[in-house]
Amino acid sequence: MASLVNVECVVKESALIGEGPVWEESAQTLLFVDIAGRRIHRWSPTTNQIQYVETDYMVGFAVPCRSGGYIAGVGRNIVAVDWSTQTMRSLVEVDEDKPNNRLNDGKVDPIGRLLAGTMGMEERPTVVQRQQGSLYSLTSDLTVTRHLSQVDISNGLDWSVDQRTFFYIDSLSLTVDAFDYDSSTGQFGNRRVVYRLQEGEGFPDGMTVDADGRLWVACYNGGRIINIDPATGSFYWFYTSLGHTGSTDHS
């Protein structure tokens, strides 16, 4: 089933590749990144003002940190961002043996553990050296664990409302996958396909889970967002006028 929705641009700041929106409830601001523009943006709907911090390399994601500031994926480094001083400090480096890789999408699990994935450098959109990426987790004591390897383009990720299921997208697989998830240990397994994209639907990219447990998947080069019930596999298409819809996140 398909629906046509009107998309209103609320942030007028242009971006080369705008992705990873995160609503900061306490500050009432919207955080997002411009991957190729090498900027982390923060927009206030109250004042309609936007601020940004520049990064040295492509930035895949930024998330608020409980102790203040942000954690971001810059190049192959996970960094701590001090917004007040516009400075960054490297915490860990991943994919040390693959200098052409970079971090892409990342998100924090329900207990505060960071999960973030990597990919090879793109020759052009969706054209990469395949199976070069991985999916990692990072805990507060800076322990890094690699959970998946031979990933093409590590992308959207989120958790079910009951925290027992982890949803994940490797874009070139053209699937939205689910895993059983143990939030106490951060371990997951029993991978299965929740939804497989068909010809013309584009590439699955950013993803979020709503309060009803349904998945919202933005499709690059598909001009649509797919709303999926992971329990039944039923879905709706929401067409947009944006041919290169890339990312969606919860507020």
Protein backbone atom coordinates (compact mmCIF):
# COMPACT_ATOMS: atom_id res chain seq x y z
CA MET A 1 0.00 0.00 0.00
CA ALA A 2 1.33 3.46 -0.85
CA SER A 3 0.68 6.97 0.38
CA LEU A 4 1.92 10.34 -0.83
CA VAL A 5 3.21 12.67 1.86
CA ASN A 6 4.34 16.25 1.62
CA VAL A 7 7.82 16.82 3.00
CA GLU A 8 8.46 20.23 4.52
CA CYS A 9 12.02 21.51 4.82
CA VAL A 10 12.41 22.92 8.32
CA VAL A 11 16.20 23.32 8.37
CA LYS A 12 17.23 25.62 5.55
CA GLU A 13 20.96 24.96 5.93
CA SER A 14 22.18 23.09 2.86
CA ALA A 15 24.21 19.90 3.28
CA LEU A 16 26.16 17.73 0.86
CA ILE A 17 25.02 14.53 2.60
CA GLY A 18 22.76 15.34 5.56
CA GLU A 19 22.12 12.31 7.78
CA GLY A 20 21.73 11.00 11.32
CA PRO A 21 19.11 13.32 12.87
CA VAL A 22 18.82 13.02 16.66
CA TRP A 23 16.36 15.06 18.70
CA GLU A 24 17.87 16.29 21.98
CA GLU A 25 14.91 16.47 24.32
CA SER A 26 16.69 18.32 27.14
CA ALA A 27 18.04 21.05 24.87
CA GLN A 28 15.11 21.03 22.42
CA THR A 29 17.55 20.94 19.50
CA LEU A 30 18.04 18.74 16.43
CA LEU A 31 21.48 17.24 15.93
CA PHE A 32 22.56 15.96 12.51
CA VAL A 33 25.69 15.51 10.41
CA ASP A 34 26.80 16.49 6.94
CA ILE A 35 28.97 13.52 6.04
CA ALA A 36 30.80 14.92 3.01
CA GLY A 37 30.57 18.50 4.24
CA ARG A 38 32.45 17.41 7.38
CA ARG A 39 30.19 19.19 9.84
CA ILE A 40 28.09 18.34 12.89
CA HIS A 41 25.03 20.61 12.97
CA ARG A 42 22.74 21.60 15.83
CA TRP A 43 19.46 23.40 15.03
CA SER A 44 17.05 25.11 17.41
CA PRO A 45 13.41 25.23 16.21
CA THR A 46 12.72 27.89 18.84
CA THR A 47 15.21 30.40 17.46
CA ASN A 48 15.61 28.86 13.99
CA GLN A 49 19.35 29.21 14.53
CA ILE A 50 21.88 26.58 13.47
CA GLN A 51 25.35 26.00 14.83
CA TYR A 52 28.01 23.63 13.62
CA VAL A 53 31.38 22.10 14.42
CA GLU A 54 33.75 21.24 11.59
CA THR A 55 35.51 17.86 11.48
CA ASP A 56 38.82 16.89 9.88
CA TYR A 57 37.36 13.93 7.99
CA MET A 58 33.98 12.64 6.89
CA VAL A 59 31.61 12.35 9.85
CA GLY A 60 29.18 9.42 9.93
CA PHE A 61 27.18 10.11 13.08
CA ALA A 62 26.96 12.17 16.27
CA VAL A 63 25.05 11.29 19.45
CA PRO A 64 24.62 13.12 22.77
CA CYS A 65 26.79 11.95 25.66
CA ARG A 66 25.29 11.53 29.13
CA SER A 67 28.19 13.45 30.71
CA GLY A 68 27.83 16.31 28.22
CA GLY A 69 29.08 16.95 24.72
CA TYR A 70 28.80 14.39 21.96
CA ILE A 71 30.33 11.19 20.64
CA ALA A 72 30.92 11.15 16.88
CA GLY A 73 32.34 8.92 14.18
CA VAL A 74 34.97 10.87 12.25
CA GLY A 75 36.96 8.98 9.64
CA ARG A 76 37.85 5.72 11.42
CA ASN A 77 37.95 7.38 14.85
CA ILE A 78 35.25 7.55 17.50
CA VAL A 79 35.77 10.95 19.10
CA ALA A 80 34.50 13.01 22.03
CA VAL A 81 33.21 16.41 20.92
CA ASP A 82 33.33 19.44 23.23
CA TRP A 83 30.82 21.81 21.66
CA SER A 84 31.78 24.80 23.80
CA THR A 85 35.42 24.73 22.69
CA GLN A 86 34.80 23.30 19.20
CA THR A 87 37.40 20.61 19.89
CA MET A 88 37.53 16.83 19.48
CA ARG A 89 39.48 14.12 21.25
CA SER A 90 39.98 10.66 19.76
CA LEU A 91 38.75 7.82 21.98
CA VAL A 92 39.35 4.75 19.81
CA GLU A 93 40.27 3.90 16.24
CA VAL A 94 38.68 1.04 14.29
CA ASP A 95 39.55 -0.81 11.07
CA GLU A 96 43.24 0.06 11.55
CA ASP A 97 44.17 -2.34 8.74
CA LYS A 98 41.81 -0.66 6.25
CA PRO A 99 42.88 2.98 5.84
CA ASN A 100 40.28 3.69 3.14
CA ASN A 101 37.37 2.78 5.41
CA ARG A 102 35.25 5.22 7.39
CA LEU A 103 32.58 5.11 10.06
CA ASN A 104 29.01 5.48 8.85
CA ASP A 105 25.80 5.23 10.90
CA GLY A 106 25.92 4.85 14.68
CA LYS A 107 23.42 4.82 17.53
CA VAL A 108 23.24 4.22 21.28
CA ASP A 109 21.43 1.17 22.62
CA PRO A 110 18.83 1.38 25.45
CA ILE A 111 21.47 1.17 28.22
CA GLY A 112 23.98 3.57 26.66
CA ARG A 113 26.24 1.27 24.64
CA LEU A 114 27.33 2.73 21.29
CA LEU A 115 26.97 0.63 18.13
CA ALA A 116 28.56 1.94 14.93
CA GLY A 117 29.49 0.48 11.59
CA THR A 118 32.07 1.07 8.89
CA MET A 119 32.26 0.88 5.12
CA GLY A 120 34.82 1.19 2.34
CA MET A 121 35.25 4.54 0.64
CA GLU A 122 32.64 5.10 -2.06
CA GLU A 123 33.66 5.67 -5.67
CA ARG A 124 30.16 7.07 -6.11
CA PRO A 125 26.93 6.55 -4.15
CA THR A 126 26.39 2.83 -3.35
CA VAL A 127 29.55 1.83 -5.30
CA VAL A 128 32.15 0.60 -2.81
CA GLN A 129 34.76 -2.11 -2.47
CA ARG A 130 32.53 -4.77 -1.00
CA GLN A 131 32.76 -6.61 2.33
CA GLN A 132 35.26 -4.17 3.81
CA GLY A 133 33.08 -2.91 6.67
CA SER A 134 32.27 -4.10 10.18
CA LEU A 135 29.82 -3.41 13.00
CA TYR A 136 31.32 -2.49 16.38
CA SER A 137 30.15 -1.69 19.88
CA LEU A 138 31.85 0.68 22.32
CA THR A 139 31.21 0.67 26.07
CA SER A 140 31.84 3.45 28.58
CA ASP A 141 35.22 1.94 29.52
CA LEU A 142 36.23 2.20 25.83
CA THR A 143 36.07 -1.54 25.19
CA VAL A 144 35.59 -2.13 21.46
CA THR A 145 33.93 -5.33 20.21
CA ARG A 146 33.53 -6.32 16.58
CA HIS A 147 30.19 -8.08 16.09
CA LEU A 148 29.92 -8.34 12.31
CA SER A 149 32.49 -8.33 9.51
CA GLN A 150 32.36 -8.47 5.70
CA VAL A 151 29.76 -5.69 5.71
CA ASP A 152 29.27 -3.64 2.54
CA ILE A 153 27.66 -0.39 3.80
CA SER A 154 26.83 -0.48 7.50
CA ASN A 155 23.76 1.69 7.90
CA GLY A 156 20.49 2.03 9.85
CA LEU A 157 20.15 0.41 13.27
CA ASP A 158 17.69 0.49 16.16
CA TRP A 159 16.02 -1.62 18.86
CA SER A 160 12.52 -2.91 19.53
CA VAL A 161 10.42 -1.29 22.22
CA ASP A 162 11.05 -4.24 24.59
CA GLN A 163 14.81 -4.02 23.83
CA ARG A 164 14.95 -7.72 22.89
CA THR A 165 15.41 -7.27 19.16
CA PHE A 166 18.12 -5.39 17.28
CA PHE A 167 17.33 -4.22 13.74
CA TYR A 168 20.14 -3.60 11.28
CA ILE A 169 20.74 -2.59 7.67
CA ASP A 170 23.66 -3.43 5.42
CA SER A 171 22.48 -1.36 2.46
CA LEU A 172 23.79 -3.45 -0.43
CA SER A 173 22.14 -6.60 0.94
CA LEU A 174 18.78 -4.88 0.21
CA THR A 175 17.35 -6.26 3.44
CA VAL A 176 16.28 -5.10 6.87
CA ASP A 177 17.52 -7.72 9.34
CA ALA A 178 16.65 -8.58 12.93
CA PHE A 179 18.70 -10.21 15.71
CA ASP A 180 17.84 -11.44 19.18
CA TYR A 181 19.48 -8.88 21.50
CA ASP A 182 20.70 -9.16 25.09
CA SER A 183 20.88 -5.59 26.37
CA SER A 184 22.73 -6.64 29.53
CA THR A 185 25.71 -8.02 27.57
CA GLY A 186 25.34 -6.33 24.19
CA GLN A 187 25.51 -9.69 22.43
CA PHE A 188 23.16 -10.59 19.57
CA GLY A 189 22.47 -13.46 17.21
CA ASN A 190 19.82 -15.45 15.31
CA ARG A 191 19.92 -13.17 12.28
CA ARG A 192 16.86 -13.19 10.01
CA VAL A 193 15.33 -11.02 7.30
CA VAL A 194 12.41 -8.79 8.29
CA TYR A 195 11.96 -7.13 4.91
CA ARG A 196 13.60 -7.57 1.52
CA LEU A 197 13.50 -4.58 -0.85
CA GLN A 198 12.25 -5.15 -4.37
CA GLU A 199 13.40 -3.63 -7.63
CA GLY A 200 12.60 0.08 -7.76
CA GLU A 201 12.48 0.55 -3.99
CA GLY A 202 16.06 1.83 -3.81
CA PHE A 203 18.60 0.98 -1.11
CA PRO A 204 17.68 0.75 2.59
CA ASP A 205 19.51 3.47 4.50
CA GLY A 206 18.54 5.20 7.77
CA MET A 207 16.03 3.55 10.10
CA THR A 208 14.13 4.17 13.32
CA VAL A 209 11.55 2.37 15.46
CA ASP A 210 8.41 4.20 16.59
CA ALA A 211 6.48 3.86 19.87
CA ASP A 212 4.29 1.14 18.32
CA GLY A 213 7.32 -0.96 17.37
CA ARG A 214 7.07 -0.31 13.63
CA LEU A 215 10.16 0.34 11.52
CA TRP A 216 10.58 3.44 9.37
CA VAL A 217 13.21 2.89 6.68
CA ALA A 218 14.42 5.66 4.40
CA CYS A 219 15.34 4.40 0.93
CA TYR A 220 18.23 5.98 -0.94
CA ASN A 221 17.42 6.49 -4.64
CA GLY A 222 13.92 5.17 -4.01
CA GLY A 223 12.01 8.36 -3.22
CA ARG A 224 10.15 6.69 -0.38
CA ILE A 225 10.07 5.71 3.27
CA ILE A 226 8.89 2.20 4.10
CA ASN A 227 6.89 1.64 7.28
CA ILE A 228 7.21 -2.01 8.33
CA ASP A 229 5.54 -4.15 10.97
CA PRO A 230 8.43 -6.49 11.91
CA ALA A 231 6.06 -8.99 13.50
CA THR A 232 4.03 -9.62 10.34
CA GLY A 233 6.15 -8.20 7.52
CA SER A 234 3.29 -5.98 6.38
CA PHE A 235 4.33 -2.57 5.12
CA TYR A 236 3.32 0.78 3.68
CA TRP A 237 5.20 2.98 1.24
CA PHE A 238 5.28 6.70 1.81
CA TYR A 239 6.41 8.43 -1.36
CA THR A 240 8.28 11.70 -1.09
CA SER A 241 9.50 14.20 -3.66
CA LEU A 242 13.06 13.51 -2.49
CA GLY A 243 14.69 10.99 -4.77
CA HIS A 244 17.68 10.48 -2.49
CA THR A 245 16.00 10.10 0.90
CA GLY A 246 18.74 8.84 3.17
CA SER A 247 18.22 8.95 6.89
CA THR A 248 15.55 8.82 9.54
CA ASP A 249 15.81 8.89 13.30
CA HIS A 250 13.49 9.13 16.25
CA SER A 251 12.62 12.23 18.17
